[in-house]
Amino acid sequence: VIMYADRVTDSMQRAIDETNRRRKIQKDFNDAHGIVPTTIKKSIRDVIEATKQVEAEEEKTPAKADPVNAELMILKLTDQMNEAARRLDFEQAAKLRDKIKKLRDEV
């Protein structure tokens, strides 16, 4: 984050201090668990394809028409979301979480 100002205000300093505190906690956790942060490297085509797949799946979920089937779909998606999180594929897990929420709202 880049901040522009003539001087550092109290609120800016608190924000900077909080950011540094959180970074230290994350670094300590990573060091304790042998985690080395790496940059995500995905081609634009991969991102576009993933978006198309999610949109296509969203069109296939008529939850209002069949609430029982929707509940089964929610269970299946929850399993997929947990598996994605175990694989550390948090983007996919977040997409599945959003889809589950949408289904629950429709039921």
PDB file of N, CA and C in Angstrom:
ATOM      1  N   VAL A   1       0.851  -1.173   0.000  1.00  0.00           N
ATOM      2  CA  VAL A   1       0.000   0.000   0.000  1.00  0.00           C
ATOM      3  C   VAL A   1       0.888   1.224   0.000  1.00  0.00           C
ATOM      4  N   ILE A   2       0.553   2.168  -0.847  1.00  0.00           N
ATOM      5  CA  ILE A   2       1.291   3.425  -0.902  1.00  0.00           C
ATOM      6  C   ILE A   2       0.402   4.514  -0.333  1.00  0.00           C
ATOM      7  N   MET A   3       0.957   5.254   0.635  1.00  0.00           N
ATOM      8  CA  MET A   3       0.208   6.351   1.240  1.00  0.00           C
ATOM      9  C   MET A   3       0.911   7.656   0.892  1.00  0.00           C
ATOM     10  N   TYR A   4       0.134   8.653   0.488  1.00  0.00           N
ATOM     11  CA  TYR A   4       0.676   9.963   0.164  1.00  0.00           C
ATOM     12  C   TYR A   4       0.172  10.974   1.188  1.00  0.00           C
ATOM     13  N   ALA A   5       1.102  11.667   1.835  1.00  0.00           N
ATOM     14  CA  ALA A   5       0.726  12.702   2.795  1.00  0.00           C
ATOM     15  C   ALA A   5       1.967  13.510   3.141  1.00  0.00           C
ATOM     16  N   ASP A   6       1.733  14.686   3.672  1.00  0.00           N
ATOM     17  CA  ASP A   6       2.851  15.528   4.107  1.00  0.00           C
ATOM     18  C   ASP A   6       3.454  15.004   5.400  1.00  0.00           C
ATOM     19  N   ARG A   7       2.620  14.370   6.201  1.00  0.00           N
ATOM     20  CA  ARG A   7       3.109  13.793   7.457  1.00  0.00           C
ATOM     21  C   ARG A   7       2.304  12.534   7.763  1.00  0.00           C
ATOM     22  N   VAL A   8       2.856  11.703   8.627  1.00  0.00           N
ATOM     23  CA  VAL A   8       2.176  10.472   9.031  1.00  0.00           C
ATOM     24  C   VAL A   8       1.242  10.812  10.184  1.00  0.00           C
ATOM     25  N   THR A   9      -0.047  10.647   9.954  1.00  0.00           N
ATOM     26  CA  THR A   9      -1.038  10.930  11.000  1.00  0.00           C
ATOM     27  C   THR A   9      -1.108   9.756  11.972  1.00  0.00           C
ATOM     28  N   ASP A  10      -1.784   9.970  13.084  1.00  0.00           N
ATOM     29  CA  ASP A  10      -1.932   8.906  14.080  1.00  0.00           C
ATOM     30  C   ASP A  10      -2.649   7.697  13.485  1.00  0.00           C
ATOM     31  N   SER A  11      -3.714   7.945  12.721  1.00  0.00           N
ATOM     32  CA  SER A  11      -4.459   6.823  12.136  1.00  0.00           C
ATOM     33  C   SER A  11      -3.616   6.083  11.098  1.00  0.00           C
ATOM     34  N   MET A  12      -2.804   6.824  10.346  1.00  0.00           N
ATOM     35  CA  MET A  12      -1.914   6.159   9.384  1.00  0.00           C
ATOM     36  C   MET A  12      -0.902   5.292  10.132  1.00  0.00           C
ATOM     37  N   GLN A  13      -0.348   5.815  11.213  1.00  0.00           N
ATOM     38  CA  GLN A  13       0.648   5.064  11.977  1.00  0.00           C
ATOM     39  C   GLN A  13       0.039   3.806  12.577  1.00  0.00           C
ATOM     40  N   ARG A  14      -1.205   3.909  13.067  1.00  0.00           N
ATOM     41  CA  ARG A  14      -1.879   2.724  13.611  1.00  0.00           C
ATOM     42  C   ARG A  14      -2.078   1.676  12.516  1.00  0.00           C
ATOM     43  N   ALA A  15      -2.454   2.119  11.319  1.00  0.00           N
ATOM     44  CA  ALA A  15      -2.644   1.181  10.205  1.00  0.00           C
ATOM     45  C   ALA A  15      -1.326   0.519   9.828  1.00  0.00           C
ATOM     46  N   ILE A  16      -0.264   1.291   9.786  1.00  0.00           N
ATOM     47  CA  ILE A  16       1.061   0.750   9.460  1.00  0.00           C
ATOM     48  C   ILE A  16       1.501  -0.241  10.533  1.00  0.00           C
ATOM     49  N   ASP A  17       1.318   0.127  11.803  1.00  0.00           N
ATOM     50  CA  ASP A  17       1.702  -0.761  12.904  1.00  0.00           C
ATOM     51  C   ASP A  17       0.908  -2.066  12.869  1.00  0.00           C
ATOM     52  N   GLU A  18      -0.390  -1.972  12.591  1.00  0.00           N
ATOM     53  CA  GLU A  18      -1.231  -3.174  12.523  1.00  0.00           C
ATOM     54  C   GLU A  18      -0.786  -4.076  11.372  1.00  0.00           C
ATOM     55  N   THR A  19      -0.471  -3.477  10.237  1.00  0.00           N
ATOM     56  CA  THR A  19       0.005  -4.258   9.093  1.00  0.00           C
ATOM     57  C   THR A  19       1.299  -4.981   9.450  1.00  0.00           C
ATOM     58  N   ASN A  20       2.213  -4.272  10.080  1.00  0.00           N
ATOM     59  CA  ASN A  20       3.484  -4.887  10.480  1.00  0.00           C
ATOM     60  C   ASN A  20       3.271  -5.997  11.502  1.00  0.00           C
ATOM     61  N   ARG A  21       2.332  -5.788  12.433  1.00  0.00           N
ATOM     62  CA  ARG A  21       2.027  -6.814  13.434  1.00  0.00           C
ATOM     63  C   ARG A  21       1.507  -8.080  12.759  1.00  0.00           C
ATOM     64  N   ARG A  22       0.585  -7.908  11.814  1.00  0.00           N
ATOM     65  CA  ARG A  22       0.021  -9.067  11.113  1.00  0.00           C
ATOM     66  C   ARG A  22       1.066  -9.768  10.253  1.00  0.00           C
ATOM     67  N   ARG A  23       1.937  -8.994   9.619  1.00  0.00           N
ATOM     68  CA  ARG A  23       3.009  -9.606   8.819  1.00  0.00           C
ATOM     69  C   ARG A  23       3.919 -10.461   9.688  1.00  0.00           C
ATOM     70  N   LYS A  24       4.235  -9.955  10.893  1.00  0.00           N
ATOM     71  CA  LYS A  24       5.104 -10.706  11.800  1.00  0.00           C
ATOM     72  C   LYS A  24       4.439 -12.014  12.213  1.00  0.00           C
ATOM     73  N   ILE A  25       3.139 -11.956  12.542  1.00  0.00           N
ATOM     74  CA  ILE A  25       2.413 -13.172  12.921  1.00  0.00           C
ATOM     75  C   ILE A  25       2.446 -14.174  11.776  1.00  0.00           C
ATOM     76  N   GLN A  26       2.190 -13.703  10.541  1.00  0.00           N
ATOM     77  CA  GLN A  26       2.185 -14.595   9.382  1.00  0.00           C
ATOM     78  C   GLN A  26       3.574 -15.182   9.146  1.00  0.00           C
ATOM     79  N   LYS A  27       4.606 -14.354   9.269  1.00  0.00           N
ATOM     80  CA  LYS A  27       5.972 -14.840   9.056  1.00  0.00           C
ATOM     81  C   LYS A  27       6.345 -15.879  10.106  1.00  0.00           C
ATOM     82  N   ASP A  28       6.015 -15.620  11.367  1.00  0.00           N
ATOM     83  CA  ASP A  28       6.303 -16.581  12.434  1.00  0.00           C
ATOM     84  C   ASP A  28       5.589 -17.908  12.180  1.00  0.00           C
ATOM     85  N   PHE A  29       4.325 -17.842  11.760  1.00  0.00           N
ATOM     86  CA  PHE A  29       3.562 -19.052  11.452  1.00  0.00           C
ATOM     87  C   PHE A  29       4.220 -19.806  10.298  1.00  0.00           C
ATOM     88  N   ASN A  30       4.566 -19.085   9.238  1.00  0.00           N
ATOM     89  CA  ASN A  30       5.198 -19.726   8.083  1.00  0.00           C
ATOM     90  C   ASN A  30       6.512 -20.394   8.477  1.00  0.00           C
ATOM     91  N   ASP A  31       7.318 -19.695   9.273  1.00  0.00           N
ATOM     92  CA  ASP A  31       8.598 -20.259   9.714  1.00  0.00           C
ATOM     93  C   ASP A  31       8.386 -21.508  10.564  1.00  0.00           C
ATOM     94  N   ALA A  32       7.410 -21.473  11.455  1.00  0.00           N
ATOM     95  CA  ALA A  32       7.147 -22.604  12.347  1.00  0.00           C
ATOM     96  C   ALA A  32       6.653 -23.827  11.587  1.00  0.00           C
ATOM     97  N   HIS A  33       5.973 -23.618  10.464  1.00  0.00           N
ATOM     98  CA  HIS A  33       5.393 -24.728   9.708  1.00  0.00           C
ATOM     99  C   HIS A  33       6.122 -25.013   8.397  1.00  0.00           C
ATOM    100  N   GLY A  34       7.267 -24.383   8.188  1.00  0.00           N
ATOM    101  CA  GLY A  34       8.056 -24.648   6.987  1.00  0.00           C
ATOM    102  C   GLY A  34       7.380 -24.209   5.695  1.00  0.00           C
ATOM    103  N   ILE A  35       6.587 -23.158   5.762  1.00  0.00           N
ATOM    104  CA  ILE A  35       5.880 -22.669   4.577  1.00  0.00           C
ATOM    105  C   ILE A  35       6.699 -21.558   3.932  1.00  0.00           C
ATOM    106  N   VAL A  36       6.919 -21.689   2.635  1.00  0.00           N
ATOM    107  CA  VAL A  36       7.616 -20.654   1.880  1.00  0.00           C
ATOM    108  C   VAL A  36       6.604 -20.016   0.933  1.00  0.00           C
ATOM    109  N   PRO A  37       6.248 -18.749   1.160  1.00  0.00           N
ATOM    110  CA  PRO A  37       5.272 -18.105   0.283  1.00  0.00           C
ATOM    111  C   PRO A  37       5.786 -18.035  -1.153  1.00  0.00           C
ATOM    112  N   THR A  38       4.905 -18.336  -2.091  1.00  0.00           N
ATOM    113  CA  THR A  38       5.267 -18.241  -3.505  1.00  0.00           C
ATOM    114  C   THR A  38       4.178 -17.476  -4.244  1.00  0.00           C
ATOM    115  N   THR A  39       4.568 -16.841  -5.314  1.00  0.00           N
ATOM    116  CA  THR A  39       3.626 -16.087  -6.129  1.00  0.00           C
ATOM    117  C   THR A  39       2.811 -17.044  -6.979  1.00  0.00           C
ATOM    118  N   ILE A  40       1.530 -16.771  -7.092  1.00  0.00           N
ATOM    119  CA  ILE A  40       0.669 -17.579  -7.957  1.00  0.00           C
ATOM    120  C   ILE A  40       0.992 -17.224  -9.392  1.00  0.00           C
ATOM    121  N   LYS A  41       1.200 -18.253 -10.207  1.00  0.00           N
ATOM    122  CA  LYS A  41       1.511 -18.033 -11.617  1.00  0.00           C
ATOM    123  C   LYS A  41       0.466 -18.748 -12.449  1.00  0.00           C
ATOM    124  N   LYS A  42      -0.447 -17.972 -13.010  1.00  0.00           N
ATOM    125  CA  LYS A  42      -1.489 -18.533 -13.857  1.00  0.00           C
ATOM    126  C   LYS A  42      -1.558 -17.718 -15.132  1.00  0.00           C
ATOM    127  N   SER A  43      -1.779 -18.414 -16.218  1.00  0.00           N
ATOM    128  CA  SER A  43      -1.947 -17.686 -17.465  1.00  0.00           C
ATOM    129  C   SER A  43      -3.344 -17.088 -17.506  1.00  0.00           C
ATOM    130  N   ILE A  44      -3.502 -16.064 -18.296  1.00  0.00           N
ATOM    131  CA  ILE A  44      -4.809 -15.418 -18.435  1.00  0.00           C
ATOM    132  C   ILE A  44      -5.820 -16.410 -18.978  1.00  0.00           C
ATOM    133  N   ARG A  45      -5.390 -17.281 -19.867  1.00  0.00           N
ATOM    134  CA  ARG A  45      -6.299 -18.284 -20.429  1.00  0.00           C
ATOM    135  C   ARG A  45      -6.857 -19.200 -19.341  1.00  0.00           C
ATOM    136  N   ASP A  46      -6.010 -19.587 -18.389  1.00  0.00           N
ATOM    137  CA  ASP A  46      -6.478 -20.436 -17.289  1.00  0.00           C
ATOM    138  C   ASP A  46      -7.564 -19.727 -16.483  1.00  0.00           C
ATOM    139  N   VAL A  47      -7.356 -18.448 -16.220  1.00  0.00           N
ATOM    140  CA  VAL A  47      -8.323 -17.676 -15.441  1.00  0.00           C
ATOM    141  C   VAL A  47      -9.632 -17.541 -16.211  1.00  0.00           C
ATOM    142  N   ILE A  48      -9.542 -17.245 -17.499  1.00  0.00           N
ATOM    143  CA  ILE A  48     -10.744 -17.104 -18.324  1.00  0.00           C
ATOM    144  C   ILE A  48     -11.492 -18.429 -18.393  1.00  0.00           C
ATOM    145  N   GLU A  49     -10.772 -19.523 -18.590  1.00  0.00           N
ATOM    146  CA  GLU A  49     -11.400 -20.845 -18.671  1.00  0.00           C
ATOM    147  C   GLU A  49     -12.094 -21.201 -17.355  1.00  0.00           C
ATOM    148  N   ALA A  50     -11.436 -20.917 -16.244  1.00  0.00           N
ATOM    149  CA  ALA A  50     -12.038 -21.205 -14.937  1.00  0.00           C
ATOM    150  C   ALA A  50     -13.313 -20.388 -14.742  1.00  0.00           C
ATOM    151  N   THR A  51     -13.291 -19.148 -15.180  1.00  0.00           N
ATOM    152  CA  THR A  51     -14.478 -18.297 -15.074  1.00  0.00           C
ATOM    153  C   THR A  51     -15.618 -18.850 -15.909  1.00  0.00           C
ATOM    154  N   LYS A  52     -15.311 -19.300 -17.114  1.00  0.00           N
ATOM    155  CA  LYS A  52     -16.337 -19.878 -17.985  1.00  0.00           C
ATOM    156  C   LYS A  52     -16.940 -21.128 -17.355  1.00  0.00           C
ATOM    157  N   GLN A  53     -16.101 -21.956 -16.740  1.00  0.00           N
ATOM    158  CA  GLN A  53     -16.592 -23.179 -16.108  1.00  0.00           C
ATOM    159  C   GLN A  53     -17.538 -22.859 -14.956  1.00  0.00           C
ATOM    160  N   VAL A  54     -17.176 -21.879 -14.147  1.00  0.00           N
ATOM    161  CA  VAL A  54     -18.023 -21.500 -13.016  1.00  0.00           C
ATOM    162  C   VAL A  54     -19.356 -20.959 -13.517  1.00  0.00           C
ATOM    163  N   GLU A  55     -19.309 -20.123 -14.541  1.00  0.00           N
ATOM    164  CA  GLU A  55     -20.550 -19.567 -15.090  1.00  0.00           C
ATOM    165  C   GLU A  55     -21.433 -20.667 -15.669  1.00  0.00           C
ATOM    166  N   ALA A  56     -20.820 -21.636 -16.345  1.00  0.00           N
ATOM    167  CA  ALA A  56     -21.596 -22.740 -16.912  1.00  0.00           C
ATOM    168  C   ALA A  56     -22.229 -23.574 -15.807  1.00  0.00           C
ATOM    169  N   GLU A  57     -21.501 -23.815 -14.725  1.00  0.00           N
ATOM    170  CA  GLU A  57     -22.037 -24.577 -13.599  1.00  0.00           C
ATOM    171  C   GLU A  57     -23.191 -23.837 -12.930  1.00  0.00           C
ATOM    172  N   GLU A  58     -23.071 -22.511 -12.836  1.00  0.00           N
ATOM    173  CA  GLU A  58     -24.120 -21.727 -12.193  1.00  0.00           C
ATOM    174  C   GLU A  58     -25.437 -21.842 -12.943  1.00  0.00           C
ATOM    175  N   GLU A  59     -25.360 -21.974 -14.256  1.00  0.00           N
ATOM    176  CA  GLU A  59     -26.570 -22.098 -15.062  1.00  0.00           C
ATOM    177  C   GLU A  59     -27.263 -23.439 -14.847  1.00  0.00           C
ATOM    178  N   LYS A  60     -26.550 -24.428 -14.344  1.00  0.00           N
ATOM    179  CA  LYS A  60     -27.088 -25.780 -14.178  1.00  0.00           C
ATOM    180  C   LYS A  60     -27.746 -26.011 -12.822  1.00  0.00           C
ATOM    181  N   THR A  61     -27.883 -25.005 -11.991  1.00  0.00           N
ATOM    182  CA  THR A  61     -28.336 -25.232 -10.621  1.00  0.00           C
ATOM    183  C   THR A  61     -29.700 -24.614 -10.353  1.00  0.00           C
ATOM    184  N   PRO A  62     -30.773 -25.263 -10.791  1.00  0.00           N
ATOM    185  CA  PRO A  62     -32.117 -24.761 -10.491  1.00  0.00           C
ATOM    186  C   PRO A  62     -32.574 -25.228  -9.111  1.00  0.00           C
ATOM    187  N   ALA A  63     -32.068 -24.603  -8.056  1.00  0.00           N
ATOM    188  CA  ALA A  63     -32.345 -25.040  -6.683  1.00  0.00           C
ATOM    189  C   ALA A  63     -33.815 -24.894  -6.315  1.00  0.00           C
ATOM    190  N   LYS A  64     -34.469 -23.872  -6.824  1.00  0.00           N
ATOM    191  CA  LYS A  64     -35.871 -23.646  -6.461  1.00  0.00           C
ATOM    192  C   LYS A  64     -36.767 -24.771  -6.965  1.00  0.00           C
ATOM    193  N   ALA A  65     -36.409 -25.346  -8.096  1.00  0.00           N
ATOM    194  CA  ALA A  65     -37.236 -26.397  -8.679  1.00  0.00           C
ATOM    195  C   ALA A  65     -37.157 -27.685  -7.870  1.00  0.00           C
ATOM    196  N   ASP A  66     -36.018 -27.970  -7.255  1.00  0.00           N
ATOM    197  CA  ASP A  66     -35.832 -29.239  -6.554  1.00  0.00           C
ATOM    198  C   ASP A  66     -34.994 -29.027  -5.290  1.00  0.00           C
ATOM    199  N   PRO A  67     -35.621 -28.683  -4.161  1.00  0.00           N
ATOM    200  CA  PRO A  67     -34.871 -28.410  -2.935  1.00  0.00           C
ATOM    201  C   PRO A  67     -34.081 -29.607  -2.413  1.00  0.00           C
ATOM    202  N   VAL A  68     -34.591 -30.823  -2.598  1.00  0.00           N
ATOM    203  CA  VAL A  68     -33.870 -32.013  -2.130  1.00  0.00           C
ATOM    204  C   VAL A  68     -32.572 -32.160  -2.912  1.00  0.00           C
ATOM    205  N   ASN A  69     -32.668 -32.012  -4.225  1.00  0.00           N
ATOM    206  CA  ASN A  69     -31.482 -32.089  -5.065  1.00  0.00           C
ATOM    207  C   ASN A  69     -30.508 -30.963  -4.713  1.00  0.00           C
ATOM    208  N   ALA A  70     -31.038 -29.798  -4.371  1.00  0.00           N
ATOM    209  CA  ALA A  70     -30.185 -28.676  -3.992  1.00  0.00           C
ATOM    210  C   ALA A  70     -29.403 -29.002  -2.724  1.00  0.00           C
ATOM    211  N   GLU A  71     -30.045 -29.643  -1.752  1.00  0.00           N
ATOM    212  CA  GLU A  71     -29.349 -30.017  -0.517  1.00  0.00           C
ATOM    213  C   GLU A  71     -28.230 -31.016  -0.803  1.00  0.00           C
ATOM    214  N   LEU A  72     -28.496 -31.962  -1.687  1.00  0.00           N
ATOM    215  CA  LEU A  72     -27.455 -32.920  -2.071  1.00  0.00           C
ATOM    216  C   LEU A  72     -26.307 -32.207  -2.780  1.00  0.00           C
ATOM    217  N   MET A  73     -26.650 -31.240  -3.631  1.00  0.00           N
ATOM    218  CA  MET A  73     -25.629 -30.473  -4.335  1.00  0.00           C
ATOM    219  C   MET A  73     -24.791 -29.672  -3.344  1.00  0.00           C
ATOM    220  N   ILE A  74     -25.435 -29.114  -2.317  1.00  0.00           N
ATOM    221  CA  ILE A  74     -24.705 -28.353  -1.300  1.00  0.00           C
ATOM    222  C   ILE A  74     -23.712 -29.256  -0.571  1.00  0.00           C
ATOM    223  N   LEU A  75     -24.133 -30.462  -0.221  1.00  0.00           N
ATOM    224  CA  LEU A  75     -23.221 -31.408   0.442  1.00  0.00           C
ATOM    225  C   LEU A  75     -22.043 -31.758  -0.458  1.00  0.00           C
ATOM    226  N   LYS A  76     -22.327 -32.011  -1.730  1.00  0.00           N
ATOM    227  CA  LYS A  76     -21.272 -32.353  -2.693  1.00  0.00           C
ATOM    228  C   LYS A  76     -20.300 -31.179  -2.858  1.00  0.00           C
ATOM    229  N   LEU A  77     -20.843 -29.977  -2.994  1.00  0.00           N
ATOM    230  CA  LEU A  77     -19.995 -28.800  -3.162  1.00  0.00           C
ATOM    231  C   LEU A  77     -19.179 -28.517  -1.906  1.00  0.00           C
ATOM    232  N   THR A  78     -19.756 -28.784  -0.736  1.00  0.00           N
ATOM    233  CA  THR A  78     -19.022 -28.590   0.515  1.00  0.00           C
ATOM    234  C   THR A  78     -17.820 -29.526   0.576  1.00  0.00           C
ATOM    235  N   ASP A  79     -18.010 -30.774   0.167  1.00  0.00           N
ATOM    236  CA  ASP A  79     -16.888 -31.717   0.113  1.00  0.00           C
ATOM    237  C   ASP A  79     -15.818 -31.225  -0.855  1.00  0.00           C
ATOM    238  N   GLN A  80     -16.246 -30.752  -2.021  1.00  0.00           N
ATOM    239  CA  GLN A  80     -15.295 -30.242  -3.015  1.00  0.00           C
ATOM    240  C   GLN A  80     -14.556 -29.014  -2.478  1.00  0.00           C
ATOM    241  N   MET A  81     -15.274 -28.140  -1.765  1.00  0.00           N
ATOM    242  CA  MET A  81     -14.660 -26.945  -1.200  1.00  0.00           C
ATOM    243  C   MET A  81     -13.599 -27.326  -0.165  1.00  0.00           C
ATOM    244  N   ASN A  82     -13.931 -28.282   0.710  1.00  0.00           N
ATOM    245  CA  ASN A  82     -12.972 -28.720   1.724  1.00  0.00           C
ATOM    246  C   ASN A  82     -11.750 -29.364   1.083  1.00  0.00           C
ATOM    247  N   GLU A  83     -11.964 -30.137   0.034  1.00  0.00           N
ATOM    248  CA  GLU A  83     -10.843 -30.767  -0.670  1.00  0.00           C
ATOM    249  C   GLU A  83      -9.965 -29.704  -1.324  1.00  0.00           C
ATOM    250  N   ALA A  84     -10.574 -28.702  -1.931  1.00  0.00           N
ATOM    251  CA  ALA A  84      -9.804 -27.617  -2.545  1.00  0.00           C
ATOM    252  C   ALA A  84      -8.973 -26.891  -1.487  1.00  0.00           C
ATOM    253  N   ALA A  85      -9.551 -26.677  -0.316  1.00  0.00           N
ATOM    254  CA  ALA A  85      -8.813 -26.020   0.766  1.00  0.00           C
ATOM    255  C   ALA A  85      -7.651 -26.889   1.235  1.00  0.00           C
ATOM    256  N   ARG A  86      -7.861 -28.213   1.312  1.00  0.00           N
ATOM    257  CA  ARG A  86      -6.771 -29.114   1.700  1.00  0.00           C
ATOM    258  C   ARG A  86      -5.622 -29.051   0.694  1.00  0.00           C
ATOM    259  N   ARG A  87      -5.974 -28.849  -0.583  1.00  0.00           N
ATOM    260  CA  ARG A  87      -4.948 -28.746  -1.634  1.00  0.00           C
ATOM    261  C   ARG A  87      -4.341 -27.346  -1.690  1.00  0.00           C
ATOM    262  N   LEU A  88      -4.824 -26.460  -0.810  1.00  0.00           N
ATOM    263  CA  LEU A  88      -4.400 -25.062  -0.761  1.00  0.00           C
ATOM    264  C   LEU A  88      -4.813 -24.297  -2.016  1.00  0.00           C
ATOM    265  N   ASP A  89      -5.871 -24.764  -2.679  1.00  0.00           N
ATOM    266  CA  ASP A  89      -6.425 -24.077  -3.849  1.00  0.00           C
ATOM    267  C   ASP A  89      -7.563 -23.188  -3.352  1.00  0.00           C
ATOM    268  N   PHE A  90      -7.162 -22.076  -2.737  1.00  0.00           N
ATOM    269  CA  PHE A  90      -8.130 -21.229  -2.062  1.00  0.00           C
ATOM    270  C   PHE A  90      -9.039 -20.479  -3.030  1.00  0.00           C
ATOM    271  N   GLU A  91      -8.564 -20.229  -4.236  1.00  0.00           N
ATOM    272  CA  GLU A  91      -9.425 -19.576  -5.226  1.00  0.00           C
ATOM    273  C   GLU A  91     -10.612 -20.472  -5.559  1.00  0.00           C
ATOM    274  N   GLN A  92     -10.339 -21.742  -5.810  1.00  0.00           N
ATOM    275  CA  GLN A  92     -11.414 -22.685  -6.121  1.00  0.00           C
ATOM    276  C   GLN A  92     -12.328 -22.862  -4.913  1.00  0.00           C
ATOM    277  N   ALA A  93     -11.736 -22.938  -3.725  1.00  0.00           N
ATOM    278  CA  ALA A  93     -12.540 -23.090  -2.511  1.00  0.00           C
ATOM    279  C   ALA A  93     -13.477 -21.893  -2.331  1.00  0.00           C
ATOM    280  N   ALA A  94     -12.991 -20.703  -2.621  1.00  0.00           N
ATOM    281  CA  ALA A  94     -13.827 -19.506  -2.492  1.00  0.00           C
ATOM    282  C   ALA A  94     -14.963 -19.518  -3.510  1.00  0.00           C
ATOM    283  N   LYS A  95     -14.681 -19.966  -4.720  1.00  0.00           N
ATOM    284  CA  LYS A  95     -15.729 -20.051  -5.745  1.00  0.00           C
ATOM    285  C   LYS A  95     -16.809 -21.040  -5.314  1.00  0.00           C
ATOM    286  N   LEU A  96     -16.376 -22.162  -4.777  1.00  0.00           N
ATOM    287  CA  LEU A  96     -17.337 -23.161  -4.311  1.00  0.00           C
ATOM    288  C   LEU A  96     -18.141 -22.637  -3.124  1.00  0.00           C
ATOM    289  N   ARG A  97     -17.475 -21.923  -2.223  1.00  0.00           N
ATOM    290  CA  ARG A  97     -18.170 -21.319  -1.087  1.00  0.00           C
ATOM    291  C   ARG A  97     -19.268 -20.371  -1.563  1.00  0.00           C
ATOM    292  N   ASP A  98     -18.935 -19.549  -2.563  1.00  0.00           N
ATOM    293  CA  ASP A  98     -19.920 -18.609  -3.098  1.00  0.00           C
ATOM    294  C   ASP A  98     -21.091 -19.342  -3.744  1.00  0.00           C
ATOM    295  N   LYS A  99     -20.787 -20.426  -4.426  1.00  0.00           N
ATOM    296  CA  LYS A  99     -21.841 -21.210  -5.074  1.00  0.00           C
ATOM    297  C   LYS A  99     -22.758 -21.851  -4.023  1.00  0.00           C
ATOM    298  N   ILE A 100     -22.158 -22.351  -2.937  1.00  0.00           N
ATOM    299  CA  ILE A 100     -22.939 -22.944  -1.848  1.00  0.00           C
ATOM    300  C   ILE A 100     -23.863 -21.893  -1.239  1.00  0.00           C
ATOM    301  N   LYS A 101     -23.327 -20.703  -1.015  1.00  0.00           N
ATOM    302  CA  LYS A 101     -24.146 -19.624  -0.448  1.00  0.00           C
ATOM    303  C   LYS A 101     -25.310 -19.297  -1.373  1.00  0.00           C
ATOM    304  N   LYS A 102     -25.044 -19.230  -2.661  1.00  0.00           N
ATOM    305  CA  LYS A 102     -26.104 -18.919  -3.620  1.00  0.00           C
ATOM    306  C   LYS A 102     -27.192 -19.998  -3.590  1.00  0.00           C
ATOM    307  N   LEU A 103     -26.773 -21.256  -3.541  1.00  0.00           N
ATOM    308  CA  LEU A 103     -27.748 -22.345  -3.477  1.00  0.00           C
ATOM    309  C   LEU A 103     -28.581 -22.265  -2.200  1.00  0.00           C
ATOM    310  N   ARG A 104     -27.928 -21.999  -1.076  1.00  0.00           N
ATOM    311  CA  ARG A 104     -28.654 -21.902   0.195  1.00  0.00           C
ATOM    312  C   ARG A 104     -29.660 -20.757   0.164  1.00  0.00           C
ATOM    313  N   ASP A 105     -29.279 -19.661  -0.475  1.00  0.00           N
ATOM    314  CA  ASP A 105     -30.194 -18.522  -0.575  1.00  0.00           C
ATOM    315  C   ASP A 105     -31.412 -18.856  -1.429  1.00  0.00           C
ATOM    316  N   GLU A 106     -31.228 -19.727  -2.421  1.00  0.00           N
ATOM    317  CA  GLU A 106     -32.314 -20.090  -3.329  1.00  0.00           C
ATOM    318  C   GLU A 106     -33.277 -21.102  -2.719  1.00  0.00           C
ATOM    319  N   VAL A 107     -32.770 -21.922  -1.789  1.00  0.00           N
ATOM    320  CA  VAL A 107     -33.606 -22.994  -1.218  1.00  0.00           C
ATOM    321  C   VAL A 107     -34.568 -22.437  -0.193  1.00  0.00           C
TER     322      VAL A 107
END
